[in-house]
Amino acid sequence: MALVVPLGLLAAPFSAQATVSGGCTATATASKSGAIDLAVASSWHVKDADVLNGQATAPTPQKSAQLKVLLFGIGLPLLDKQGNSVSGAAGPYRIADYDHYTRVLAVAGTSNTCDGSILIIVDDVAPLSTWAGILGVIAALLGIIGLVATMFQFPSGSARVVGMVVGVVAGLGTGLLLQQDAILDPANLLGLLLPGGGAILGLILPGIAYRGRTAPTA
């Protein structure tokens, strides 16, 4: 299978906001929610009970295809396939097999002449019922607690380093929560502003509530 979109469906069987370019066409069908043209659709809402299948065609044979999962706008390699075909298919894939990990996922793929991306959202799964949502809450809380703690420390260099680390953790956790709420697109590089802003806060906050020791009175 050499086409990007069927491979994308392999990794991303939920709901989608998709773009496909390079002359390729792609369609998908959800067992409960119906069919969609992934090349032109702005959104596709499916549910936990759906089973997805997909098909795609290209104007010329595609010899290779690569997939990446996007997190805070950064692509993480997922799949690299070789082949020689003008068509491909993927499925069936049960959403319920995947949505306990995350309810929002962004996948991007490229082949010889085509590329595409898909934003995946499961409508009837709660953000905090996923591992990504739970980890986001834990990271955000620990990071915020750490930032508050540095405010009462002596503003040394080591305190600021610790502040930067816990600030990044707080920002990443907040970003994961926003992604699971479908507020922040995982493919958007602007999501890095959250851990970046947390790091800046971690540099500024240490010591602002530090009172230090006062000299004993006579």
C-alpha atoms as a PDB file:
ATOM      1  CA  MET A   1       0.000   0.000   0.000  1.00  0.00           C
ATOM      2  CA  ALA A   2       1.712   3.173  -1.154  1.00  0.00           C
ATOM      3  CA  LEU A   3      -0.877   5.895  -0.794  1.00  0.00           C
ATOM      4  CA  VAL A   4      -0.766   8.397   2.019  1.00  0.00           C
ATOM      5  CA  VAL A   5      -4.415   8.655   2.971  1.00  0.00           C
ATOM      6  CA  PRO A   6      -5.143   4.938   3.472  1.00  0.00           C
ATOM      7  CA  LEU A   7      -2.017   4.790   5.596  1.00  0.00           C
ATOM      8  CA  GLY A   8      -3.286   7.805   7.470  1.00  0.00           C
ATOM      9  CA  LEU A   9      -6.546   6.023   8.135  1.00  0.00           C
ATOM     10  CA  LEU A  10      -4.547   3.111   9.496  1.00  0.00           C
ATOM     11  CA  ALA A  11      -3.085   5.356  12.155  1.00  0.00           C
ATOM     12  CA  ALA A  12      -6.033   7.657  12.647  1.00  0.00           C
ATOM     13  CA  PRO A  13      -9.443   6.033  12.800  1.00  0.00           C
ATOM     14  CA  PHE A  14     -11.597   8.681  14.498  1.00  0.00           C
ATOM     15  CA  SER A  15     -13.095  11.958  13.155  1.00  0.00           C
ATOM     16  CA  ALA A  16     -11.261  14.174  10.775  1.00  0.00           C
ATOM     17  CA  GLN A  17     -10.486  17.544   9.354  1.00  0.00           C
ATOM     18  CA  ALA A  18      -8.434  16.659   6.302  1.00  0.00           C
ATOM     19  CA  THR A  19      -6.560  18.141   3.367  1.00  0.00           C
ATOM     20  CA  VAL A  20      -5.169  16.166   0.419  1.00  0.00           C
ATOM     21  CA  SER A  21      -3.098  17.677  -2.391  1.00  0.00           C
ATOM     22  CA  GLY A  22      -1.116  16.517  -5.414  1.00  0.00           C
ATOM     23  CA  GLY A  23      -4.045  15.178  -7.425  1.00  0.00           C
ATOM     24  CA  CYS A  24      -4.892  12.312  -5.085  1.00  0.00           C
ATOM     25  CA  THR A  25      -8.450  11.475  -4.066  1.00  0.00           C
ATOM     26  CA  ALA A  26      -9.509   9.863  -0.815  1.00  0.00           C
ATOM     27  CA  THR A  27     -12.780   8.728   0.703  1.00  0.00           C
ATOM     28  CA  ALA A  28     -13.648   7.033   3.968  1.00  0.00           C
ATOM     29  CA  THR A  29     -16.693   5.353   5.452  1.00  0.00           C
ATOM     30  CA  ALA A  30     -17.733   5.077   9.099  1.00  0.00           C
ATOM     31  CA  SER A  31     -20.148   2.265   9.920  1.00  0.00           C
ATOM     32  CA  LYS A  32     -22.412   4.500  12.028  1.00  0.00           C
ATOM     33  CA  SER A  33     -21.636   8.014  10.806  1.00  0.00           C
ATOM     34  CA  GLY A  34     -21.556   7.537   7.027  1.00  0.00           C
ATOM     35  CA  ALA A  35     -19.092   8.378   4.242  1.00  0.00           C
ATOM     36  CA  ILE A  36     -16.929  11.425   3.621  1.00  0.00           C
ATOM     37  CA  ASP A  37     -14.666  12.838   0.905  1.00  0.00           C
ATOM     38  CA  LEU A  38     -11.419  13.479   2.768  1.00  0.00           C
ATOM     39  CA  ALA A  39     -10.027  15.665  -0.016  1.00  0.00           C
ATOM     40  CA  VAL A  40     -12.626  18.404   0.520  1.00  0.00           C
ATOM     41  CA  ALA A  41     -14.244  17.838   3.919  1.00  0.00           C
ATOM     42  CA  SER A  42     -13.686  20.353   6.696  1.00  0.00           C
ATOM     43  CA  SER A  43     -14.757  17.967   9.461  1.00  0.00           C
ATOM     44  CA  TRP A  44     -16.008  14.445  10.006  1.00  0.00           C
ATOM     45  CA  HIS A  45     -17.634  13.553  13.303  1.00  0.00           C
ATOM     46  CA  VAL A  46     -17.684   9.888  14.227  1.00  0.00           C
ATOM     47  CA  LYS A  47     -18.202   7.993  17.441  1.00  0.00           C
ATOM     48  CA  ASP A  48     -16.710   5.299  19.620  1.00  0.00           C
ATOM     49  CA  ALA A  49     -18.879   2.607  17.994  1.00  0.00           C
ATOM     50  CA  ASP A  50     -17.733   3.394  14.437  1.00  0.00           C
ATOM     51  CA  VAL A  51     -15.628   1.111  12.261  1.00  0.00           C
ATOM     52  CA  LEU A  52     -13.683   2.907   9.505  1.00  0.00           C
ATOM     53  CA  ASN A  53     -12.624   1.910   6.005  1.00  0.00           C
ATOM     54  CA  GLY A  54     -10.847   4.086   3.445  1.00  0.00           C
ATOM     55  CA  GLN A  55      -9.834   4.168  -0.213  1.00  0.00           C
ATOM     56  CA  ALA A  56      -7.509   6.453  -2.170  1.00  0.00           C
ATOM     57  CA  THR A  57      -6.227   6.896  -5.713  1.00  0.00           C
ATOM     58  CA  ALA A  58      -3.339   8.867  -7.215  1.00  0.00           C
ATOM     59  CA  PRO A  59      -2.762  10.176 -10.757  1.00  0.00           C
ATOM     60  CA  THR A  60       0.570   8.331 -10.998  1.00  0.00           C
ATOM     61  CA  PRO A  61       2.052   5.295  -9.211  1.00  0.00           C
ATOM     62  CA  GLN A  62       3.276   6.116  -5.726  1.00  0.00           C
ATOM     63  CA  LYS A  63       6.461   4.309  -4.725  1.00  0.00           C
ATOM     64  CA  SER A  64       6.788   5.438  -1.123  1.00  0.00           C
ATOM     65  CA  ALA A  65       4.741   6.991   1.653  1.00  0.00           C
ATOM     66  CA  GLN A  66       5.615   8.295   5.093  1.00  0.00           C
ATOM     67  CA  LEU A  67       3.378   9.054   8.048  1.00  0.00           C
ATOM     68  CA  LYS A  68       3.991  11.262  11.051  1.00  0.00           C
ATOM     69  CA  VAL A  69       1.977  11.887  14.189  1.00  0.00           C
ATOM     70  CA  LEU A  70       1.968  15.591  15.027  1.00  0.00           C
ATOM     71  CA  LEU A  71       2.294  16.787  18.601  1.00  0.00           C
ATOM     72  CA  PHE A  72       2.693  20.500  19.331  1.00  0.00           C
ATOM     73  CA  GLY A  73       3.406  20.894  15.619  1.00  0.00           C
ATOM     74  CA  ILE A  74       6.350  18.481  15.670  1.00  0.00           C
ATOM     75  CA  GLY A  75       6.178  15.389  13.467  1.00  0.00           C
ATOM     76  CA  LEU A  76       7.023  12.053  15.067  1.00  0.00           C
ATOM     77  CA  PRO A  77       7.750   9.268  12.523  1.00  0.00           C
ATOM     78  CA  LEU A  78       5.028   6.633  12.511  1.00  0.00           C
ATOM     79  CA  LEU A  79       5.271   4.629   9.296  1.00  0.00           C
ATOM     80  CA  ASP A  80       7.418   4.351   6.158  1.00  0.00           C
ATOM     81  CA  LYS A  81       6.057   2.197   3.325  1.00  0.00           C
ATOM     82  CA  GLN A  82       7.429   1.244  -0.087  1.00  0.00           C
ATOM     83  CA  GLY A  83       5.341   0.121  -3.064  1.00  0.00           C
ATOM     84  CA  ASN A  84       4.227   0.943  -6.604  1.00  0.00           C
ATOM     85  CA  SER A  85       0.493   1.561  -6.954  1.00  0.00           C
ATOM     86  CA  VAL A  86      -2.053   4.162  -8.030  1.00  0.00           C
ATOM     87  CA  SER A  87      -4.670   2.978  -5.538  1.00  0.00           C
ATOM     88  CA  GLY A  88      -4.913   1.660  -2.031  1.00  0.00           C
ATOM     89  CA  ALA A  89      -7.323   0.778   0.738  1.00  0.00           C
ATOM     90  CA  ALA A  90      -7.244   0.591   4.520  1.00  0.00           C
ATOM     91  CA  GLY A  91      -9.483  -0.886   7.171  1.00  0.00           C
ATOM     92  CA  PRO A  92     -11.533  -1.997   8.900  1.00  0.00           C
ATOM     93  CA  TYR A  93     -10.455  -0.155  12.060  1.00  0.00           C
ATOM     94  CA  ARG A  94     -12.481   0.009  15.265  1.00  0.00           C
ATOM     95  CA  ILE A  95     -12.329   3.394  16.933  1.00  0.00           C
ATOM     96  CA  ALA A  96     -12.862   1.751  20.316  1.00  0.00           C
ATOM     97  CA  ASP A  97      -9.456   0.071  19.965  1.00  0.00           C
ATOM     98  CA  TYR A  98      -7.709   3.459  19.987  1.00  0.00           C
ATOM     99  CA  ASP A  99      -9.761   6.123  21.725  1.00  0.00           C
ATOM    100  CA  HIS A 100      -8.781   5.163  25.271  1.00  0.00           C
ATOM    101  CA  TYR A 101      -5.317   6.528  24.437  1.00  0.00           C
ATOM    102  CA  THR A 102      -6.420   9.823  22.901  1.00  0.00           C
ATOM    103  CA  ARG A 103      -9.561  11.376  21.464  1.00  0.00           C
ATOM    104  CA  VAL A 104      -7.675  13.945  19.361  1.00  0.00           C
ATOM    105  CA  LEU A 105      -4.832  13.065  17.011  1.00  0.00           C
ATOM    106  CA  ALA A 106      -3.184  14.807  14.056  1.00  0.00           C
ATOM    107  CA  VAL A 107      -1.510  12.751  11.324  1.00  0.00           C
ATOM    108  CA  ALA A 108       0.346  14.016   8.248  1.00  0.00           C
ATOM    109  CA  GLY A 109       1.606  11.967   5.320  1.00  0.00           C
ATOM    110  CA  THR A 110       3.606  12.413   2.136  1.00  0.00           C
ATOM    111  CA  SER A 111       4.239  10.270  -0.935  1.00  0.00           C
ATOM    112  CA  ASN A 112       5.990  10.839  -4.262  1.00  0.00           C
ATOM    113  CA  THR A 113       3.510  13.406  -5.570  1.00  0.00           C
ATOM    114  CA  CYS A 114       0.801  13.690  -2.913  1.00  0.00           C
ATOM    115  CA  ASP A 115       0.546  14.827   0.656  1.00  0.00           C
ATOM    116  CA  GLY A 116      -2.233  15.075   3.178  1.00  0.00           C
ATOM    117  CA  SER A 117      -3.106  15.696   6.790  1.00  0.00           C
ATOM    118  CA  ILE A 118      -5.937  14.681   9.042  1.00  0.00           C
ATOM    119  CA  LEU A 119      -7.161  15.920  12.418  1.00  0.00           C
ATOM    120  CA  ILE A 120      -8.871  13.199  14.416  1.00  0.00           C
ATOM    121  CA  ILE A 121     -11.519  13.788  17.097  1.00  0.00           C
ATOM    122  CA  VAL A 122     -13.841  11.296  18.784  1.00  0.00           C
ATOM    123  CA  ASP A 123     -17.034  13.124  19.704  1.00  0.00           C
ATOM    124  CA  ASP A 124     -18.476  10.851  22.373  1.00  0.00           C
ATOM    125  CA  VAL A 125     -15.295  10.240  24.391  1.00  0.00           C
ATOM    126  CA  ALA A 126     -14.547  12.510  27.364  1.00  0.00           C
ATOM    127  CA  PRO A 127     -11.121  14.212  27.397  1.00  0.00           C
ATOM    128  CA  LEU A 128     -10.302  12.945  30.888  1.00  0.00           C
ATOM    129  CA  SER A 129     -11.206   9.364  29.989  1.00  0.00           C
ATOM    130  CA  THR A 130      -8.096   9.110  27.785  1.00  0.00           C
ATOM    131  CA  TRP A 131      -4.511   8.470  28.822  1.00  0.00           C
ATOM    132  CA  ALA A 132      -3.454  11.701  27.121  1.00  0.00           C
ATOM    133  CA  GLY A 133      -6.005  13.681  29.132  1.00  0.00           C
ATOM    134  CA  ILE A 134      -5.021  12.051  32.424  1.00  0.00           C
ATOM    135  CA  LEU A 135      -1.309  12.632  31.781  1.00  0.00           C
ATOM    136  CA  GLY A 136      -2.108  16.222  30.850  1.00  0.00           C
ATOM    137  CA  VAL A 137      -3.873  16.832  34.169  1.00  0.00           C
ATOM    138  CA  ILE A 138      -1.055  15.246  36.170  1.00  0.00           C
ATOM    139  CA  ALA A 139       1.658  17.178  34.323  1.00  0.00           C
ATOM    140  CA  ALA A 140      -0.207  20.485  34.569  1.00  0.00           C
ATOM    141  CA  LEU A 141      -0.855  20.107  38.309  1.00  0.00           C
ATOM    142  CA  LEU A 142       2.687  18.997  39.141  1.00  0.00           C
ATOM    143  CA  GLY A 143       4.141  21.777  37.022  1.00  0.00           C
ATOM    144  CA  ILE A 144       1.973  24.474  38.596  1.00  0.00           C
ATOM    145  CA  ILE A 145       2.758  23.215  42.104  1.00  0.00           C
ATOM    146  CA  GLY A 146       6.448  23.259  41.216  1.00  0.00           C
ATOM    147  CA  LEU A 147       6.237  26.825  39.900  1.00  0.00           C
ATOM    148  CA  VAL A 148       4.502  27.998  43.073  1.00  0.00           C
ATOM    149  CA  ALA A 149       7.143  26.265  45.205  1.00  0.00           C
ATOM    150  CA  THR A 150       9.984  28.063  43.410  1.00  0.00           C
ATOM    151  CA  MET A 151       8.411  31.401  44.305  1.00  0.00           C
ATOM    152  CA  PHE A 152       9.398  30.836  47.950  1.00  0.00           C
ATOM    153  CA  GLN A 153      12.955  29.700  47.219  1.00  0.00           C
ATOM    154  CA  PHE A 154      16.089  31.814  47.151  1.00  0.00           C
ATOM    155  CA  PRO A 155      16.382  32.991  43.508  1.00  0.00           C
ATOM    156  CA  SER A 156      19.583  31.105  42.737  1.00  0.00           C
ATOM    157  CA  GLY A 157      20.618  29.762  39.366  1.00  0.00           C
ATOM    158  CA  SER A 158      19.624  26.227  40.323  1.00  0.00           C
ATOM    159  CA  ALA A 159      16.177  27.429  41.436  1.00  0.00           C
ATOM    160  CA  ARG A 160      15.655  29.040  38.046  1.00  0.00           C
ATOM    161  CA  VAL A 161      16.725  25.855  36.252  1.00  0.00           C
ATOM    162  CA  VAL A 162      14.208  23.898  38.324  1.00  0.00           C
ATOM    163  CA  GLY A 163      11.644  26.590  37.574  1.00  0.00           C
ATOM    164  CA  MET A 164      12.234  26.232  33.838  1.00  0.00           C
ATOM    165  CA  VAL A 165      11.807  22.452  34.011  1.00  0.00           C
ATOM    166  CA  VAL A 166       8.563  22.537  35.995  1.00  0.00           C
ATOM    167  CA  GLY A 167       7.338  25.400  33.804  1.00  0.00           C
ATOM    168  CA  VAL A 168       7.834  23.305  30.679  1.00  0.00           C
ATOM    169  CA  VAL A 169       6.018  20.393  32.363  1.00  0.00           C
ATOM    170  CA  ALA A 170       3.110  22.683  33.270  1.00  0.00           C
ATOM    171  CA  GLY A 171       2.936  24.012  29.707  1.00  0.00           C
ATOM    172  CA  LEU A 172       3.035  20.560  28.140  1.00  0.00           C
ATOM    173  CA  GLY A 173       0.323  19.308  30.480  1.00  0.00           C
ATOM    174  CA  THR A 174      -1.880  22.306  29.733  1.00  0.00           C
ATOM    175  CA  GLY A 175      -1.310  21.784  26.018  1.00  0.00           C
ATOM    176  CA  LEU A 176      -2.310  18.123  26.221  1.00  0.00           C
ATOM    177  CA  LEU A 177      -5.514  19.085  28.019  1.00  0.00           C
ATOM    178  CA  LEU A 178      -6.349  21.710  25.391  1.00  0.00           C
ATOM    179  CA  GLN A 179      -5.675  19.183  22.639  1.00  0.00           C
ATOM    180  CA  GLN A 180      -7.942  16.593  24.243  1.00  0.00           C
ATOM    181  CA  ASP A 181     -10.646  19.265  24.507  1.00  0.00           C
ATOM    182  CA  ALA A 182     -10.167  19.929  20.760  1.00  0.00           C
ATOM    183  CA  ILE A 183      -9.264  23.551  21.527  1.00  0.00           C
ATOM    184  CA  LEU A 184      -5.627  23.303  20.437  1.00  0.00           C
ATOM    185  CA  ASP A 185      -4.746  21.597  17.146  1.00  0.00           C
ATOM    186  CA  PRO A 186      -1.873  19.146  17.787  1.00  0.00           C
ATOM    187  CA  ALA A 187      -0.488  20.064  14.353  1.00  0.00           C
ATOM    188  CA  ASN A 188      -0.175  23.752  15.242  1.00  0.00           C
ATOM    189  CA  LEU A 189       3.375  24.859  16.038  1.00  0.00           C
ATOM    190  CA  LEU A 190       1.916  27.667  18.140  1.00  0.00           C
ATOM    191  CA  GLY A 191       1.215  24.995  20.736  1.00  0.00           C
ATOM    192  CA  LEU A 192       4.905  25.247  21.636  1.00  0.00           C
ATOM    193  CA  LEU A 193       4.137  28.667  23.103  1.00  0.00           C
ATOM    194  CA  LEU A 194       2.682  26.881  26.133  1.00  0.00           C
ATOM    195  CA  PRO A 195       5.818  25.000  27.263  1.00  0.00           C
ATOM    196  CA  GLY A 196       7.910  27.949  26.070  1.00  0.00           C
ATOM    197  CA  GLY A 197       5.860  30.350  28.162  1.00  0.00           C
ATOM    198  CA  GLY A 198       6.103  27.965  31.096  1.00  0.00           C
ATOM    199  CA  ALA A 199       9.891  27.988  30.800  1.00  0.00           C
ATOM    200  CA  ILE A 200       9.922  31.803  30.828  1.00  0.00           C
ATOM    201  CA  LEU A 201       7.711  31.844  33.916  1.00  0.00           C
ATOM    202  CA  GLY A 202      10.102  29.363  35.496  1.00  0.00           C
ATOM    203  CA  LEU A 203      12.910  31.865  34.997  1.00  0.00           C
ATOM    204  CA  ILE A 204      10.945  34.798  36.399  1.00  0.00           C
ATOM    205  CA  LEU A 205       8.997  33.358  39.331  1.00  0.00           C
ATOM    206  CA  PRO A 206      11.730  31.894  41.585  1.00  0.00           C
ATOM    207  CA  GLY A 207      12.250  34.071  44.639  1.00  0.00           C
ATOM    208  CA  ILE A 208       9.454  36.588  44.096  1.00  0.00           C
ATOM    209  CA  ALA A 209       7.878  35.528  47.407  1.00  0.00           C
ATOM    210  CA  TYR A 210      11.191  34.777  49.150  1.00  0.00           C
ATOM    211  CA  ARG A 211      11.606  36.654  52.426  1.00  0.00           C
ATOM    212  CA  GLY A 212      14.978  35.313  53.497  1.00  0.00           C
ATOM    213  CA  ARG A 213      16.401  35.421  56.979  1.00  0.00           C
ATOM    214  CA  THR A 214      16.465  38.645  58.906  1.00  0.00           C
ATOM    215  CA  ALA A 215      19.253  39.558  61.293  1.00  0.00           C
ATOM    216  CA  PRO A 216      18.407  38.862  64.960  1.00  0.00           C
ATOM    217  CA  THR A 217      17.435  41.906  66.999  1.00  0.00           C
ATOM    218  CA  ALA A 218      19.484  42.914  70.042  1.00  0.00           C
END
